[in-house]
N, C-alpha and C. Protein backbone atom coordinates (compact mmCIF):
# COMPACT_ATOMS: atom_id res chain seq x y z
N UNK A 1 71.59 107.77 73.83
CA UNK A 1 72.49 108.65 74.55
C UNK A 1 72.43 108.38 76.05
N UNK A 2 71.23 108.20 76.56
CA UNK A 2 71.05 107.94 77.98
C UNK A 2 71.70 106.60 78.37
N UNK A 3 71.57 105.59 77.52
CA UNK A 3 72.18 104.28 77.79
C UNK A 3 73.70 104.39 77.82
N UNK A 4 74.25 105.18 76.93
CA UNK A 4 75.70 105.38 76.89
C UNK A 4 76.18 106.05 78.17
N UNK A 5 75.44 107.04 78.65
CA UNK A 5 75.79 107.72 79.90
C UNK A 5 75.76 106.76 81.08
N UNK A 6 74.73 105.93 81.15
CA UNK A 6 74.60 104.95 82.24
C UNK A 6 75.74 103.95 82.18
N UNK A 7 76.08 103.49 80.99
CA UNK A 7 77.19 102.54 80.82
C UNK A 7 78.50 103.17 81.27
N UNK A 8 78.74 104.41 80.92
CA UNK A 8 79.95 105.12 81.32
C UNK A 8 80.01 105.28 82.84
N UNK A 9 78.88 105.60 83.44
CA UNK A 9 78.80 105.76 84.89
C UNK A 9 79.09 104.44 85.61
N UNK A 10 78.51 103.36 85.13
CA UNK A 10 78.76 102.04 85.72
C UNK A 10 80.22 101.64 85.59
N UNK A 11 80.81 101.91 84.45
CA UNK A 11 82.22 101.59 84.24
C UNK A 11 83.10 102.36 85.22
N UNK A 12 82.80 103.63 85.41
CA UNK A 12 83.56 104.45 86.35
C UNK A 12 83.43 103.92 87.78
N UNK A 13 82.24 103.49 88.15
CA UNK A 13 82.03 102.94 89.48
C UNK A 13 82.81 101.64 89.68
N UNK A 14 82.83 100.80 88.68
CA UNK A 14 83.57 99.54 88.78
C UNK A 14 85.06 99.79 88.91
N UNK A 15 85.59 100.73 88.18
CA UNK A 15 87.01 101.04 88.26
C UNK A 15 87.34 101.61 89.63
N UNK A 16 86.48 102.44 90.17
CA UNK A 16 86.76 103.05 91.47
C UNK A 16 86.62 102.07 92.62
N UNK A 17 86.02 100.91 92.39
CA UNK A 17 85.85 99.91 93.44
C UNK A 17 87.07 99.02 93.62
N UNK A 18 88.06 99.15 92.75
CA UNK A 18 89.28 98.34 92.87
C UNK A 18 89.96 98.67 94.20
N UNK A 19 90.65 97.67 94.73
CA UNK A 19 91.35 97.86 96.00
C UNK A 19 92.53 98.82 95.84
N UNK A 20 92.74 99.62 96.87
CA UNK A 20 93.88 100.53 96.91
C UNK A 20 95.15 99.74 97.19
N UNK A 21 96.33 100.32 96.94
CA UNK A 21 97.57 99.62 97.27
C UNK A 21 97.64 99.20 98.74
N UNK A 22 97.17 100.06 99.64
CA UNK A 22 97.20 99.73 101.07
C UNK A 22 96.33 98.52 101.38
N UNK A 23 95.14 98.45 100.79
CA UNK A 23 94.26 97.31 101.03
C UNK A 23 94.86 96.03 100.49
N UNK A 24 95.46 96.11 99.30
CA UNK A 24 96.08 94.93 98.71
C UNK A 24 97.25 94.46 99.57
N UNK A 25 98.08 95.40 100.03
CA UNK A 25 99.22 95.05 100.88
C UNK A 25 98.74 94.35 102.15
N UNK A 26 97.67 94.87 102.74
CA UNK A 26 97.15 94.29 103.98
C UNK A 26 96.58 92.89 103.74
N UNK A 27 95.81 92.71 102.66
CA UNK A 27 95.25 91.39 102.34
C UNK A 27 96.36 90.39 102.07
N UNK A 28 97.38 90.81 101.32
CA UNK A 28 98.51 89.95 101.01
C UNK A 28 99.22 89.52 102.29
N UNK A 29 99.55 90.49 103.14
CA UNK A 29 100.28 90.21 104.37
C UNK A 29 99.51 89.29 105.31
N UNK A 30 98.20 89.54 105.45
CA UNK A 30 97.36 88.69 106.31
C UNK A 30 97.34 87.25 105.79
N UNK A 31 97.23 87.09 104.47
CA UNK A 31 97.20 85.75 103.89
C UNK A 31 98.52 85.03 104.12
N UNK A 32 99.64 85.72 103.92
CA UNK A 32 100.95 85.11 104.15
C UNK A 32 101.10 84.74 105.63
N UNK A 33 100.72 85.65 106.51
CA UNK A 33 100.87 85.42 107.95
C UNK A 33 100.06 84.23 108.45
N UNK A 34 98.96 83.95 107.79
CA UNK A 34 98.12 82.83 108.22
C UNK A 34 98.35 81.58 107.38
N UNK A 35 99.39 81.59 106.55
CA UNK A 35 99.76 80.41 105.78
C UNK A 35 98.88 80.13 104.58
N UNK A 36 98.13 81.11 104.13
CA UNK A 36 97.24 80.93 102.98
C UNK A 36 97.96 81.39 101.71
N UNK A 37 98.87 80.57 101.23
CA UNK A 37 99.71 80.93 100.09
C UNK A 37 98.88 81.18 98.84
N UNK A 38 97.92 80.32 98.56
CA UNK A 38 97.11 80.50 97.36
C UNK A 38 96.29 81.79 97.42
N UNK A 39 95.82 82.15 98.58
CA UNK A 39 95.10 83.40 98.76
C UNK A 39 96.05 84.58 98.55
N UNK A 40 97.24 84.49 99.11
CA UNK A 40 98.24 85.56 98.98
C UNK A 40 98.61 85.77 97.53
N UNK A 41 98.66 84.71 96.75
CA UNK A 41 99.04 84.81 95.35
C UNK A 41 98.03 85.59 94.51
N UNK A 42 96.82 85.77 95.01
CA UNK A 42 95.82 86.59 94.32
C UNK A 42 96.21 88.07 94.34
N UNK A 43 97.06 88.45 95.30
CA UNK A 43 97.41 89.85 95.51
C UNK A 43 98.85 90.18 95.13
N UNK A 44 99.52 89.30 94.41
CA UNK A 44 100.92 89.57 94.07
C UNK A 44 101.20 89.24 92.61
N UNK A 45 102.36 89.69 92.17
CA UNK A 45 102.80 89.41 90.81
C UNK A 45 103.12 87.92 90.68
N UNK A 46 103.23 87.47 89.45
CA UNK A 46 103.54 86.06 89.20
C UNK A 46 104.89 85.69 89.80
N UNK A 47 105.89 86.55 89.65
CA UNK A 47 107.21 86.24 90.20
C UNK A 47 107.20 86.19 91.73
N UNK A 48 106.43 87.06 92.34
CA UNK A 48 106.30 87.03 93.80
C UNK A 48 105.59 85.75 94.24
N UNK A 49 104.60 85.31 93.47
CA UNK A 49 103.92 84.04 93.76
C UNK A 49 104.88 82.87 93.74
N UNK A 50 105.84 82.89 92.81
CA UNK A 50 106.85 81.82 92.74
C UNK A 50 107.75 81.84 93.97
N UNK A 51 108.09 83.04 94.43
CA UNK A 51 108.89 83.17 95.66
C UNK A 51 108.12 82.59 96.84
N UNK A 52 106.82 82.87 96.92
CA UNK A 52 106.00 82.31 98.00
C UNK A 52 105.97 80.78 97.93
N UNK A 53 105.79 80.25 96.73
CA UNK A 53 105.77 78.79 96.57
C UNK A 53 107.07 78.16 97.03
N UNK A 54 108.21 78.75 96.65
CA UNK A 54 109.52 78.22 97.06
C UNK A 54 109.68 78.32 98.57
N UNK A 55 109.32 79.44 99.14
CA UNK A 55 109.44 79.62 100.59
C UNK A 55 108.59 78.62 101.34
N UNK A 56 107.37 78.40 100.87
CA UNK A 56 106.48 77.43 101.52
C UNK A 56 107.04 76.02 101.40
N UNK A 57 107.59 75.69 100.24
CA UNK A 57 108.15 74.35 100.03
C UNK A 57 109.36 74.10 100.93
N UNK A 58 110.13 75.13 101.20
CA UNK A 58 111.32 75.00 102.04
C UNK A 58 111.02 75.24 103.51
N UNK A 59 109.77 75.47 103.85
CA UNK A 59 109.40 75.70 105.24
C UNK A 59 109.77 77.08 105.75
N UNK A 60 109.97 78.03 104.83
CA UNK A 60 110.40 79.37 105.21
C UNK A 60 109.28 80.32 105.60
N UNK A 61 108.03 79.88 105.45
CA UNK A 61 106.90 80.74 105.83
C UNK A 61 106.39 80.32 107.20
N UNK A 62 106.58 81.18 108.17
CA UNK A 62 106.13 80.88 109.52
C UNK A 62 104.79 81.57 109.75
N UNK A 63 103.83 80.80 110.20
CA UNK A 63 102.49 81.35 110.43
C UNK A 63 102.45 82.16 111.72
N UNK A 64 101.69 83.23 111.67
CA UNK A 64 101.48 84.10 112.82
C UNK A 64 100.02 84.54 112.80
N UNK A 65 99.13 83.75 113.41
CA UNK A 65 97.70 84.09 113.36
C UNK A 65 97.37 85.41 114.07
N UNK A 66 98.27 85.93 114.88
CA UNK A 66 98.04 87.20 115.58
C UNK A 66 98.70 88.38 114.87
N UNK A 67 99.13 88.17 113.65
CA UNK A 67 99.82 89.21 112.88
C UNK A 67 98.97 90.47 112.75
N UNK A 68 99.63 91.60 112.89
CA UNK A 68 98.94 92.88 112.74
C UNK A 68 99.81 93.81 111.89
N UNK A 69 99.24 94.32 110.82
CA UNK A 69 99.93 95.26 109.94
C UNK A 69 99.33 96.64 110.15
N UNK A 70 100.17 97.60 110.47
CA UNK A 70 99.73 98.97 110.68
C UNK A 70 100.19 99.82 109.50
N UNK A 71 99.26 100.21 108.65
CA UNK A 71 99.57 101.03 107.49
C UNK A 71 99.84 102.46 107.96
N UNK A 72 100.98 103.00 107.57
CA UNK A 72 101.34 104.36 107.93
C UNK A 72 100.95 105.34 106.83
N UNK A 73 101.30 104.99 105.59
CA UNK A 73 100.98 105.85 104.45
C UNK A 73 101.30 105.09 103.17
N UNK A 74 100.88 105.64 102.06
CA UNK A 74 101.30 105.08 100.79
C UNK A 74 101.69 106.21 99.85
N UNK A 75 102.44 105.84 98.83
CA UNK A 75 102.89 106.79 97.83
C UNK A 75 102.64 106.15 96.47
N UNK A 76 101.90 106.84 95.62
CA UNK A 76 101.53 106.29 94.32
C UNK A 76 101.99 107.22 93.22
N UNK A 77 102.72 106.66 92.26
CA UNK A 77 103.15 107.41 91.08
C UNK A 77 102.89 106.50 89.88
N UNK A 78 101.93 106.90 89.07
CA UNK A 78 101.54 106.14 87.88
C UNK A 78 101.19 104.70 88.26
N UNK A 79 101.95 103.73 87.77
CA UNK A 79 101.66 102.31 88.01
C UNK A 79 102.54 101.70 89.09
N UNK A 80 103.10 102.52 89.94
CA UNK A 80 103.99 102.06 91.00
C UNK A 80 103.51 102.66 92.33
N UNK A 81 103.48 101.82 93.35
CA UNK A 81 103.07 102.30 94.68
C UNK A 81 103.99 101.72 95.74
N UNK A 82 104.17 102.47 96.79
CA UNK A 82 104.92 102.02 97.96
C UNK A 82 104.01 102.18 99.17
N UNK A 83 103.88 101.12 99.95
CA UNK A 83 103.07 101.15 101.16
C UNK A 83 104.03 101.05 102.34
N UNK A 84 103.98 102.05 103.21
CA UNK A 84 104.83 102.10 104.39
C UNK A 84 104.02 101.61 105.58
N UNK A 85 104.63 100.72 106.38
CA UNK A 85 103.89 100.07 107.45
C UNK A 85 104.81 99.61 108.57
N UNK A 86 104.21 99.24 109.69
CA UNK A 86 104.91 98.55 110.78
C UNK A 86 104.16 97.25 111.03
N UNK A 87 104.86 96.31 111.66
CA UNK A 87 104.25 95.01 111.96
C UNK A 87 104.12 94.82 113.46
N UNK A 88 103.03 94.17 113.83
CA UNK A 88 102.75 93.83 115.22
C UNK A 88 102.99 95.05 116.11
N UNK A 89 103.83 94.93 117.13
CA UNK A 89 104.07 96.05 118.05
C UNK A 89 105.39 96.76 117.77
N UNK A 90 106.01 96.48 116.64
CA UNK A 90 107.29 97.08 116.28
C UNK A 90 107.11 98.52 115.79
N UNK A 91 108.11 99.34 116.03
CA UNK A 91 108.11 100.71 115.52
C UNK A 91 108.94 100.82 114.25
N UNK A 92 109.55 99.71 113.82
CA UNK A 92 110.41 99.71 112.63
C UNK A 92 109.56 99.84 111.37
N UNK A 93 109.77 100.94 110.66
CA UNK A 93 109.02 101.19 109.43
C UNK A 93 109.57 100.33 108.29
N UNK A 94 108.65 99.69 107.57
CA UNK A 94 109.01 98.87 106.43
C UNK A 94 108.25 99.38 105.21
N UNK A 95 108.64 98.91 104.04
CA UNK A 95 107.99 99.36 102.81
C UNK A 95 107.70 98.15 101.91
N UNK A 96 106.55 98.19 101.27
CA UNK A 96 106.15 97.15 100.33
C UNK A 96 105.89 97.82 98.99
N UNK A 97 106.45 97.24 97.94
CA UNK A 97 106.29 97.77 96.58
C UNK A 97 105.14 97.06 95.88
N UNK A 98 104.34 97.82 95.16
CA UNK A 98 103.25 97.26 94.37
C UNK A 98 103.30 97.83 92.96
N UNK A 99 102.90 97.01 92.00
CA UNK A 99 102.79 97.43 90.61
C UNK A 99 101.34 97.31 90.18
N UNK A 100 100.90 98.23 89.36
CA UNK A 100 99.54 98.16 88.80
C UNK A 100 99.62 97.36 87.51
N UNK A 101 98.93 96.22 87.50
CA UNK A 101 98.93 95.32 86.35
C UNK A 101 97.49 95.08 85.94
N UNK A 102 97.17 95.41 84.71
CA UNK A 102 95.80 95.26 84.19
C UNK A 102 94.78 95.92 85.12
N UNK A 103 95.12 97.09 85.64
CA UNK A 103 94.20 97.84 86.48
C UNK A 103 94.11 97.40 87.92
N UNK A 104 94.91 96.41 88.33
CA UNK A 104 94.89 95.93 89.72
C UNK A 104 96.27 96.07 90.34
N UNK A 105 96.28 96.45 91.62
CA UNK A 105 97.55 96.55 92.36
C UNK A 105 98.00 95.18 92.79
N UNK A 106 99.29 94.88 92.56
CA UNK A 106 99.89 93.59 92.91
C UNK A 106 101.19 93.82 93.67
N UNK A 107 101.37 93.09 94.75
CA UNK A 107 102.61 93.17 95.53
C UNK A 107 103.74 92.60 94.69
N UNK A 108 104.85 93.30 94.69
CA UNK A 108 106.01 92.89 93.91
C UNK A 108 107.23 92.82 94.82
N UNK A 109 107.70 91.59 95.03
CA UNK A 109 108.86 91.39 95.89
C UNK A 109 110.00 90.81 95.06
N UNK A 110 111.23 91.09 95.46
CA UNK A 110 112.37 90.47 94.80
C UNK A 110 112.87 89.34 95.70
N UNK A 111 113.67 88.48 95.16
CA UNK A 111 114.17 87.34 95.92
C UNK A 111 115.35 87.66 96.79
N UNK A 112 115.81 88.90 96.77
CA UNK A 112 116.98 89.27 97.57
C UNK A 112 116.59 90.29 98.63
N UNK A 113 117.36 90.35 99.70
CA UNK A 113 117.09 91.30 100.78
C UNK A 113 118.10 92.40 100.78
């Protein structure tokens, strides 16, 4: 019984250590801004990874080593999250969508604006 309790406690701790949507959004954005496409793909859906690959191949990803993402808030409903943020010194609020896949938050972008 004691071993079962310890196992349950460890499992709960591991689940709670997963990155929040805001942390994932920030890691993804930093990786993209510094041209680390493979690193960025760790934090996004498969389809978003394909968009990154195409953009990089066409020279559409411009590096910005001084990039700064300011998280304003997030909104989470079940397996969907929205992270609201500003970039660099801009006051323009933007939003990033994330989906929870296999217990991990992943950035989900579409190919259209």
